[in-house]
PDB file of N, CA and C in Angstrom:
ATOM      1  N   MET A   1     161.317  59.329 183.054  1.00  0.00           N
ATOM      2  CA  MET A   1     160.567  58.005 183.179  1.00  0.00           C
ATOM      3  C   MET A   1     161.727  57.047 183.400  1.00  0.00           C
ATOM      4  N   PRO A   2     161.476  56.427 184.562  1.00  0.00           N
ATOM      5  CA  PRO A   2     162.691  55.397 185.339  1.00  0.00           C
ATOM      6  C   PRO A   2     162.586  54.148 184.072  1.00  0.00           C
ATOM      7  N   ALA A   3     163.684  53.730 184.006  1.00  0.00           N
ATOM      8  CA  ALA A   3     163.888  52.627 183.154  1.00  0.00           C
ATOM      9  C   ALA A   3     163.450  51.421 183.397  1.00  0.00           C
ATOM     10  N   ALA A   4     163.033  51.146 184.815  1.00  0.00           N
ATOM     11  CA  ALA A   4     162.053  50.101 184.931  1.00  0.00           C
ATOM     12  C   ALA A   4     160.878  49.928 184.327  1.00  0.00           C
ATOM     13  N   SER A   5     159.996  51.059 184.216  1.00  0.00           N
ATOM     14  CA  SER A   5     158.903  51.190 183.836  1.00  0.00           C
ATOM     15  C   SER A   5     158.765  51.377 182.455  1.00  0.00           C
ATOM     16  N   ARG A   6     159.728  51.281 181.512  1.00  0.00           N
ATOM     17  CA  ARG A   6     159.695  51.646 179.972  1.00  0.00           C
ATOM     18  C   ARG A   6     159.530  50.074 179.690  1.00  0.00           C
ATOM     19  N   ARG A   7     158.305  50.190 178.690  1.00  0.00           N
ATOM     20  CA  ARG A   7     158.154  48.864 177.833  1.00  0.00           C
ATOM     21  C   ARG A   7     159.015  48.989 176.532  1.00  0.00           C
ATOM     22  N   ILE A   8     159.457  47.625 176.380  1.00  0.00           N
ATOM     23  CA  ILE A   8     160.164  47.258 175.032  1.00  0.00           C
ATOM     24  C   ILE A   8     159.406  46.414 174.253  1.00  0.00           C
ATOM     25  N   SER A   9     159.105  46.934 172.971  1.00  0.00           N
ATOM     26  CA  SER A   9     158.341  46.390 172.087  1.00  0.00           C
ATOM     27  C   SER A   9     158.902  44.905 171.844  1.00  0.00           C
ATOM     28  N   LYS A  10     158.376  43.702 171.462  1.00  0.00           N
ATOM     29  CA  LYS A  10     158.626  42.295 171.239  1.00  0.00           C
ATOM     30  C   LYS A  10     159.715  42.189 170.328  1.00  0.00           C
ATOM     31  N   PRO A  11     159.886  43.010 169.303  1.00  0.00           N
ATOM     32  CA  PRO A  11     160.897  42.721 168.273  1.00  0.00           C
ATOM     33  C   PRO A  11     162.058  43.263 168.776  1.00  0.00           C
ATOM     34  N   CYS A  12     162.246  44.533 169.465  1.00  0.00           N
ATOM     35  CA  CYS A  12     163.437  44.776 169.915  1.00  0.00           C
ATOM     36  C   CYS A  12     163.950  44.150 171.171  1.00  0.00           C
ATOM     37  N   ALA A  13     162.787  43.521 171.957  1.00  0.00           N
ATOM     38  CA  ALA A  13     163.317  42.741 173.163  1.00  0.00           C
ATOM     39  C   ALA A  13     163.968  41.633 172.545  1.00  0.00           C
ATOM     40  N   ASN A  14     163.836  41.008 171.450  1.00  0.00           N
ATOM     41  CA  ASN A  14     164.405  39.715 170.889  1.00  0.00           C
ATOM     42  C   ASN A  14     165.931  40.111 170.240  1.00  0.00           C
ATOM     43  N   ILE A  15     166.283  41.313 170.143  1.00  0.00           N
ATOM     44  CA  ILE A  15     167.574  41.440 169.377  1.00  0.00           C
ATOM     45  C   ILE A  15     168.562  41.683 170.409  1.00  0.00           C
ATOM     46  N   ASP A  16     169.650  40.977 170.436  1.00  0.00           N
ATOM     47  CA  ASP A  16     170.740  41.202 171.100  1.00  0.00           C
ATOM     48  C   ASP A  16     171.557  42.509 170.926  1.00  0.00           C
ATOM     49  N   PRO A  17     171.598  43.553 171.919  1.00  0.00           N
ATOM     50  CA  PRO A  17     172.389  44.677 171.466  1.00  0.00           C
ATOM     51  C   PRO A  17     173.642  44.518 171.348  1.00  0.00           C
ATOM     52  N   ALA A  18     174.313  43.516 171.854  1.00  0.00           N
ATOM     53  CA  ALA A  18     175.892  43.345 171.718  1.00  0.00           C
ATOM     54  C   ALA A  18     176.277  42.819 170.353  1.00  0.00           C
ATOM     55  N   ARG A  19     175.253  42.218 169.896  1.00  0.00           N
ATOM     56  CA  ARG A  19     175.525  41.353 168.475  1.00  0.00           C
ATOM     57  C   ARG A  19     175.466  42.456 167.372  1.00  0.00           C
ATOM     58  N   LYS A  20     176.464  42.656 166.599  1.00  0.00           N
ATOM     59  CA  LYS A  20     176.517  43.810 165.498  1.00  0.00           C
ATOM     60  C   LYS A  20     176.246  42.974 164.198  1.00  0.00           C
ATOM     61  N   GLU A  21     175.143  42.708 163.783  1.00  0.00           N
ATOM     62  CA  GLU A  21     174.977  42.046 162.667  1.00  0.00           C
ATOM     63  C   GLU A  21     174.173  43.026 161.561  1.00  0.00           C
ATOM     64  N   PRO A  22     174.742  43.141 160.171  1.00  0.00           N
ATOM     65  CA  PRO A  22     174.383  43.922 159.284  1.00  0.00           C
ATOM     66  C   PRO A  22     172.777  43.702 159.003  1.00  0.00           C
ATOM     67  N   ALA A  23     172.097  44.807 158.678  1.00  0.00           N
ATOM     68  CA  ALA A  23     170.743  44.617 158.515  1.00  0.00           C
ATOM     69  C   ALA A  23     170.435  43.507 157.388  1.00  0.00           C
ATOM     70  N   MET A  24     171.237  43.520 156.261  1.00  0.00           N
ATOM     71  CA  MET A  24     171.130  42.902 155.329  1.00  0.00           C
ATOM     72  C   MET A  24     172.683  42.053 154.747  1.00  0.00           C
ATOM     73  N   PRO A  25     172.574  40.939 154.395  1.00  0.00           N
ATOM     74  CA  PRO A  25     174.100  40.465 154.007  1.00  0.00           C
ATOM     75  C   PRO A  25     174.488  41.109 152.623  1.00  0.00           C
ATOM     76  N   PHE A  26     175.834  40.785 152.628  1.00  0.00           N
ATOM     77  CA  PHE A  26     176.363  41.929 151.392  1.00  0.00           C
ATOM     78  C   PHE A  26     175.603  41.138 149.953  1.00  0.00           C
ATOM     79  N   THR A  27     175.799  39.918 149.941  1.00  0.00           N
ATOM     80  CA  THR A  27     175.405  39.158 148.738  1.00  0.00           C
ATOM     81  C   THR A  27     173.888  39.556 148.369  1.00  0.00           C
ATOM     82  N   THR A  28     173.134  39.696 149.256  1.00  0.00           N
ATOM     83  CA  THR A  28     171.794  40.171 148.984  1.00  0.00           C
ATOM     84  C   THR A  28     171.780  41.589 148.344  1.00  0.00           C
ATOM     85  N   ALA A  29     172.568  42.374 149.055  1.00  0.00           N
ATOM     86  CA  ALA A  29     172.433  43.885 148.722  1.00  0.00           C
ATOM     87  C   ALA A  29     173.169  44.009 147.155  1.00  0.00           C
ATOM     88  N   THR A  30     174.202  43.381 147.075  1.00  0.00           N
ATOM     89  CA  THR A  30     174.693  43.213 145.756  1.00  0.00           C
ATOM     90  C   THR A  30     173.734  42.720 144.783  1.00  0.00           C
ATOM     91  N   VAL A  31     173.148  41.583 145.071  1.00  0.00           N
ATOM     92  CA  VAL A  31     172.183  41.067 143.900  1.00  0.00           C
ATOM     93  C   VAL A  31     171.157  42.242 143.731  1.00  0.00           C
ATOM     94  N   LEU A  32     170.631  42.666 144.625  1.00  0.00           N
ATOM     95  CA  LEU A  32     169.597  43.934 144.677  1.00  0.00           C
ATOM     96  C   LEU A  32     170.051  45.052 143.691  1.00  0.00           C
ATOM     97  N   ALA A  33     171.158  45.481 143.924  1.00  0.00           N
ATOM     98  CA  ALA A  33     171.810  46.480 143.299  1.00  0.00           C
ATOM     99  C   ALA A  33     172.037  46.214 141.778  1.00  0.00           C
ATOM    100  N   VAL A  34     172.499  44.845 141.783  1.00  0.00           N
ATOM    101  CA  VAL A  34     172.553  44.516 140.269  1.00  0.00           C
ATOM    102  C   VAL A  34     171.238  44.460 139.412  1.00  0.00           C
ATOM    103  N   ALA A  35     170.279  43.880 140.249  1.00  0.00           N
ATOM    104  CA  ALA A  35     169.184  43.647 139.675  1.00  0.00           C
ATOM    105  C   ALA A  35     168.455  45.176 139.372  1.00  0.00           C
ATOM    106  N   ALA A  36     168.479  46.144 140.141  1.00  0.00           N
ATOM    107  CA  ALA A  36     168.165  47.481 139.823  1.00  0.00           C
ATOM    108  C   ALA A  36     168.855  48.277 138.650  1.00  0.00           C
ATOM    109  N   LEU A  37     170.044  47.819 138.647  1.00  0.00           N
ATOM    110  CA  LEU A  37     170.714  48.333 137.447  1.00  0.00           C
ATOM    111  C   LEU A  37     170.639  47.791 136.129  1.00  0.00           C
ATOM    112  N   VAL A  38     170.274  46.438 136.111  1.00  0.00           N
ATOM    113  CA  VAL A  38     170.006  45.860 134.697  1.00  0.00           C
ATOM    114  C   VAL A  38     168.448  46.466 134.636  1.00  0.00           C
ATOM    115  N   ALA A  39     167.381  46.785 135.584  1.00  0.00           N
ATOM    116  CA  ALA A  39     166.242  47.116 135.116  1.00  0.00           C
ATOM    117  C   ALA A  39     166.120  48.452 134.649  1.00  0.00           C
ATOM    118  N   ILE A  40     167.237  49.435 135.302  1.00  0.00           N
ATOM    119  CA  ILE A  40     167.311  50.832 134.775  1.00  0.00           C
ATOM    120  C   ILE A  40     167.774  50.743 133.273  1.00  0.00           C
ATOM    121  N   ALA A  41     168.755  49.800 133.057  1.00  0.00           N
ATOM    122  CA  ALA A  41     169.262  49.609 131.670  1.00  0.00           C
ATOM    123  C   ALA A  41     168.372  49.228 130.690  1.00  0.00           C
ATOM    124  N   ILE A  42     167.459  48.378 131.206  1.00  0.00           N
ATOM    125  CA  ILE A  42     166.496  47.794 130.138  1.00  0.00           C
ATOM    126  C   ILE A  42     165.415  48.913 130.001  1.00  0.00           C
ATOM    127  N   LEU A  43     165.043  49.766 130.803  1.00  0.00           N
ATOM    128  CA  LEU A  43     164.043  50.781 130.658  1.00  0.00           C
ATOM    129  C   LEU A  43     164.773  51.983 129.909  1.00  0.00           C
ATOM    130  N   ALA A  44     165.867  52.254 130.049  1.00  0.00           N
ATOM    131  CA  ALA A  44     166.602  53.344 129.400  1.00  0.00           C
ATOM    132  C   ALA A  44     166.717  52.921 127.716  1.00  0.00           C
ATOM    133  N   ARG A  45     167.153  51.824 127.473  1.00  0.00           N
ATOM    134  CA  ARG A  45     167.247  51.019 126.272  1.00  0.00           C
ATOM    135  C   ARG A  45     165.770  51.028 125.448  1.00  0.00           C
ATOM    136  N   THR A  46     164.625  50.797 126.126  1.00  0.00           N
ATOM    137  CA  THR A  46     163.287  50.755 125.758  1.00  0.00           C
ATOM    138  C   THR A  46     163.094  52.271 125.354  1.00  0.00           C
ATOM    139  N   ALA A  47     163.127  53.117 126.280  1.00  0.00           N
ATOM    140  CA  ALA A  47     163.024  54.544 126.068  1.00  0.00           C
ATOM    141  C   ALA A  47     163.660  55.229 124.971  1.00  0.00           C
ATOM    142  N   LEU A  48     164.925  54.692 124.772  1.00  0.00           N
ATOM    143  CA  LEU A  48     165.923  55.341 123.594  1.00  0.00           C
ATOM    144  C   LEU A  48     165.244  54.977 122.371  1.00  0.00           C
ATOM    145  N   THR A  49     164.796  53.530 122.191  1.00  0.00           N
ATOM    146  CA  THR A  49     164.136  53.157 121.106  1.00  0.00           C
ATOM    147  C   THR A  49     163.007  53.552 120.883  1.00  0.00           C
ATOM    148  N   ALA A  50     162.140  53.817 121.589  1.00  0.00           N
ATOM    149  CA  ALA A  50     160.872  54.389 121.248  1.00  0.00           C
ATOM    150  C   ALA A  50     161.105  55.985 121.032  1.00  0.00           C
ATOM    151  N   TRP A  51     162.220  56.749 121.380  1.00  0.00           N
ATOM    152  CA  TRP A  51     162.291  57.971 121.174  1.00  0.00           C
ATOM    153  C   TRP A  51     162.985  58.159 119.645  1.00  0.00           C
ATOM    154  N   ASN A  52     163.728  57.038 119.244  1.00  0.00           N
ATOM    155  CA  ASN A  52     164.036  57.056 118.049  1.00  0.00           C
ATOM    156  C   ASN A  52     163.119  56.904 116.920  1.00  0.00           C
ATOM    157  N   GLY A  53     162.188  55.796 117.387  1.00  0.00           N
ATOM    158  CA  GLY A  53     160.999  55.616 116.445  1.00  0.00           C
ATOM    159  C   GLY A  53     160.074  56.808 116.431  1.00  0.00           C
ATOM    160  N   TRP A  54     160.005  57.676 117.290  1.00  0.00           N
ATOM    161  CA  TRP A  54     159.082  58.907 117.222  1.00  0.00           C
ATOM    162  C   TRP A  54     159.988  59.699 116.499  1.00  0.00           C
ATOM    163  N   LEU A  55     161.109  59.919 116.551  1.00  0.00           N
ATOM    164  CA  LEU A  55     161.981  60.850 115.803  1.00  0.00           C
ATOM    165  C   LEU A  55     161.824  60.418 114.210  1.00  0.00           C
ATOM    166  N   ASP A  56     161.838  59.304 113.951  1.00  0.00           N
ATOM    167  CA  ASP A  56     161.873  58.590 112.523  1.00  0.00           C
ATOM    168  C   ASP A  56     160.176  59.188 112.085  1.00  0.00           C
ATOM    169  N   LEU A  57     159.438  58.834 112.759  1.00  0.00           N
ATOM    170  CA  LEU A  57     157.809  59.049 112.438  1.00  0.00           C
ATOM    171  C   LEU A  57     157.527  60.609 112.014  1.00  0.00           C
ATOM    172  N   LYS A  58     158.353  61.491 112.850  1.00  0.00           N
ATOM    173  CA  LYS A  58     158.146  62.851 112.665  1.00  0.00           C
ATOM    174  C   LYS A  58     158.907  63.154 111.463  1.00  0.00           C
ATOM    175  N   ARG A  59     160.156  62.695 111.130  1.00  0.00           N
ATOM    176  CA  ARG A  59     160.874  63.026 109.781  1.00  0.00           C
ATOM    177  C   ARG A  59     160.224  62.509 108.624  1.00  0.00           C
ATOM    178  N   ALA A  60     159.459  61.295 108.788  1.00  0.00           N
ATOM    179  CA  ALA A  60     158.663  60.865 107.791  1.00  0.00           C
ATOM    180  C   ALA A  60     157.598  61.810 107.351  1.00  0.00           C
ATOM    181  N   GLU A  61     156.737  62.400 108.567  1.00  0.00           N
ATOM    182  CA  GLU A  61     155.468  63.159 108.490  1.00  0.00           C
ATOM    183  C   GLU A  61     156.126  64.690 107.746  1.00  0.00           C
ATOM    184  N   ALA A  62     157.464  64.997 108.213  1.00  0.00           N
ATOM    185  CA  ALA A  62     157.760  66.332 107.804  1.00  0.00           C
ATOM    186  C   ALA A  62     158.303  66.177 106.157  1.00  0.00           C
ATOM    187  N   VAL A  63     158.840  64.865 105.541  1.00  0.00           N
ATOM    188  CA  VAL A  63     158.803  64.977 104.244  1.00  0.00           C
ATOM    189  C   VAL A  63     157.676  64.823 103.645  1.00  0.00           C
ATOM    190  N   ARG A  64     156.726  63.806 104.171  1.00  0.00           N
ATOM    191  CA  ARG A  64     155.280  63.776 103.278  1.00  0.00           C
ATOM    192  C   ARG A  64     154.709  65.161 103.371  1.00  0.00           C
ATOM    193  N   SER A  65     154.624  66.137 104.300  1.00  0.00           N
ATOM    194  CA  SER A  65     154.136  67.313 104.292  1.00  0.00           C
ATOM    195  C   SER A  65     154.494  68.096 103.482  1.00  0.00           C
ATOM    196  N   ALA A  66     156.006  68.026 103.495  1.00  0.00           N
ATOM    197  CA  ALA A  66     156.675  69.056 102.473  1.00  0.00           C
ATOM    198  C   ALA A  66     156.374  68.907 101.151  1.00  0.00           C
ATOM    199  N   ASP A  67     156.180  67.661 100.716  1.00  0.00           N
ATOM    200  CA  ASP A  67     156.200  67.168  99.295  1.00  0.00           C
ATOM    201  C   ASP A  67     154.421  67.844  98.919  1.00  0.00           C
ATOM    202  N   ALA A  68     153.763  67.592  99.933  1.00  0.00           N
ATOM    203  CA  ALA A  68     152.206  67.671  99.544  1.00  0.00           C
ATOM    204  C   ALA A  68     152.104  69.325  99.790  1.00  0.00           C
ATOM    205  N   GLY A  69     152.742  69.723 100.654  1.00  0.00           N
ATOM    206  CA  GLY A  69     152.568  71.245 101.121  1.00  0.00           C
ATOM    207  C   GLY A  69     152.986  71.984  99.894  1.00  0.00           C
ATOM    208  N   ASN A  70     154.106  71.754  99.217  1.00  0.00           N
ATOM    209  CA  ASN A  70     154.794  72.638  98.038  1.00  0.00           C
ATOM    210  C   ASN A  70     153.860  72.720  97.065  1.00  0.00           C
ATOM    211  N   HIS A  71     153.015  71.609  96.397  1.00  0.00           N
ATOM    212  CA  HIS A  71     152.196  71.860  95.653  1.00  0.00           C
ATOM    213  C   HIS A  71     150.843  72.775  95.949  1.00  0.00           C
ATOM    214  N   VAL A  72     150.507  72.723  97.100  1.00  0.00           N
ATOM    215  CA  VAL A  72     149.190  73.474  97.499  1.00  0.00           C
ATOM    216  C   VAL A  72     149.770  75.090  97.273  1.00  0.00           C
ATOM    217  N   LEU A  73     150.972  75.004  98.225  1.00  0.00           N
ATOM    218  CA  LEU A  73     151.515  76.576  98.270  1.00  0.00           C
ATOM    219  C   LEU A  73     151.818  77.062  96.920  1.00  0.00           C
ATOM    220  N   GLY A  74     152.342  76.310  95.951  1.00  0.00           N
ATOM    221  CA  GLY A  74     152.511  76.697  94.810  1.00  0.00           C
ATOM    222  C   GLY A  74     151.282  77.201  93.847  1.00  0.00           C
ATOM    223  N   LEU A  75     150.111  76.512  94.105  1.00  0.00           N
ATOM    224  CA  LEU A  75     149.038  76.849  93.548  1.00  0.00           C
ATOM    225  C   LEU A  75     148.424  78.044  94.148  1.00  0.00           C
ATOM    226  N   ILE A  76     148.594  78.269  95.110  1.00  0.00           N
ATOM    227  CA  ILE A  76     148.216  79.639  96.194  1.00  0.00           C
ATOM    228  C   ILE A  76     149.060  80.772  95.651  1.00  0.00           C
ATOM    229  N   ASP A  77     150.581  80.630  95.538  1.00  0.00           N
ATOM    230  CA  ASP A  77     151.343  81.609  94.899  1.00  0.00           C
ATOM    231  C   ASP A  77     151.012  82.009  93.616  1.00  0.00           C
ATOM    232  N   LEU A  78     150.665  80.952  92.829  1.00  0.00           N
ATOM    233  CA  LEU A  78     150.021  81.347  91.305  1.00  0.00           C
ATOM    234  C   LEU A  78     148.951  82.256  91.203  1.00  0.00           C
ATOM    235  N   SER A  79     148.073  81.812  92.051  1.00  0.00           N
ATOM    236  CA  SER A  79     146.877  82.513  92.081  1.00  0.00           C
ATOM    237  C   SER A  79     147.083  83.913  92.452  1.00  0.00           C
ATOM    238  N   ASP A  80     148.012  84.026  93.441  1.00  0.00           N
ATOM    239  CA  ASP A  80     148.226  85.474  94.189  1.00  0.00           C
ATOM    240  C   ASP A  80     148.862  86.256  92.985  1.00  0.00           C
ATOM    241  N   ILE A  81     149.872  85.555  92.355  1.00  0.00           N
ATOM    242  CA  ILE A  81     150.611  86.322  91.150  1.00  0.00           C
ATOM    243  C   ILE A  81     149.400  86.716  89.986  1.00  0.00           C
ATOM    244  N   LYS A  82     148.604  85.882  89.716  1.00  0.00           N
ATOM    245  CA  LYS A  82     147.912  86.244  88.782  1.00  0.00           C
ATOM    246  C   LYS A  82     146.828  87.432  89.251  1.00  0.00           C
ATOM    247  N   GLU A  83     146.357  87.353  90.367  1.00  0.00           N
ATOM    248  CA  GLU A  83     145.617  88.441  90.838  1.00  0.00           C
ATOM    249  C   GLU A  83     146.581  89.843  90.943  1.00  0.00           C
ATOM    250  N   ARG A  84     147.697  89.927  91.314  1.00  0.00           N
ATOM    251  CA  ARG A  84     148.595  91.086  91.180  1.00  0.00           C
ATOM    252  C   ARG A  84     148.712  91.628  89.854  1.00  0.00           C
ATOM    253  N   LEU A  85     148.757  90.545  88.839  1.00  0.00           N
ATOM    254  CA  LEU A  85     149.064  91.122  87.448  1.00  0.00           C
ATOM    255  C   LEU A  85     147.831  91.520  86.940  1.00  0.00           C
ATOM    256  N   ARG A  86     146.568  91.135  87.078  1.00  0.00           N
ATOM    257  CA  ARG A  86     145.154  91.806  86.978  1.00  0.00           C
ATOM    258  C   ARG A  86     145.168  92.947  87.397  1.00  0.00           C
ATOM    259  N   LYS A  87     145.774  93.323  88.781  1.00  0.00           N
ATOM    260  CA  LYS A  87     145.303  94.430  89.353  1.00  0.00           C
ATOM    261  C   LYS A  87     146.434  95.630  88.562  1.00  0.00           C
ATOM    262  N   LEU A  88     147.487  95.292  88.189  1.00  0.00           N
ATOM    263  CA  LEU A  88     148.539  95.744  87.659  1.00  0.00           C
ATOM    264  C   LEU A  88     148.223  96.146  86.257  1.00  0.00           C
ATOM    265  N   GLU A  89     147.683  95.181  85.491  1.00  0.00           N
ATOM    266  CA  GLU A  89     146.983  95.760  84.071  1.00  0.00           C
ATOM    267  C   GLU A  89     145.690  96.655  84.087  1.00  0.00           C
ATOM    268  N   ALA A  90     145.133  96.573  85.007  1.00  0.00           N
ATOM    269  CA  ALA A  90     144.126  97.440  85.389  1.00  0.00           C
ATOM    270  C   ALA A  90     144.595  98.802  85.610  1.00  0.00           C
ATOM    271  N   ILE A  91     145.560  98.933  86.230  1.00  0.00           N
ATOM    272  CA  ILE A  91     145.989 100.392  86.679  1.00  0.00           C
ATOM    273  C   ILE A  91     146.794 100.721  85.445  1.00  0.00           C
ATOM    274  N   ALA A  92     147.284 100.050  84.688  1.00  0.00           N
ATOM    275  CA  ALA A  92     148.078 100.529  83.340  1.00  0.00           C
ATOM    276  C   ALA A  92     147.195 100.753  82.511  1.00  0.00           C
ATOM    277  N   ALA A  93     145.886 100.296  82.417  1.00  0.00           N
ATOM    278  CA  ALA A  93     144.688 100.687  81.526  1.00  0.00           C
ATOM    279  C   ALA A  93     144.002 101.646  81.978  1.00  0.00           C
ATOM    280  N   GLY A  94     144.224 102.241  83.073  1.00  0.00           N
ATOM    281  CA  GLY A  94     143.543 103.411  83.860  1.00  0.00           C
ATOM    282  C   GLY A  94     142.153 103.290  84.311  1.00  0.00           C
ATOM    283  N   VAL A  95     142.072 101.723  84.591  1.00  0.00           N
ATOM    284  CA  VAL A  95     140.666 101.298  85.207  1.00  0.00           C
ATOM    285  C   VAL A  95     140.781 101.698  86.735  1.00  0.00           C
ATOM    286  N   ASP A  96     139.614 102.126  87.102  1.00  0.00           N
ATOM    287  CA  ASP A  96     139.711 102.539  88.713  1.00  0.00           C
ATOM    288  C   ASP A  96     139.224 101.299  89.515  1.00  0.00           C
ATOM    289  N   LEU A  97     140.077 100.770  90.410  1.00  0.00           N
ATOM    290  CA  LEU A  97     139.462  99.646  91.304  1.00  0.00           C
ATOM    291  C   LEU A  97     138.962 100.057  92.493  1.00  0.00           C
TER     292      LEU A  97
END
């Protein structure tokens, strides 16, 4: 394709190729980078706080269920022991189960 027939878009036609200007000034890039780091730090802190709260909740649930669960398991174990004792007494007495 000959160079004379090539069309140049309007934005490209306005840029002087001899001028070497950065796409974004250093201060703008620095401000954006610092703002991004601050945002990431805030999000990380929030996530860590939520995680610690969730762990505290699970610890409290585990303690609560352990306290309530021991009583119920103790009753189940007691009834199981009584049933085994009845079976052993029946075997000792010679009763066929």
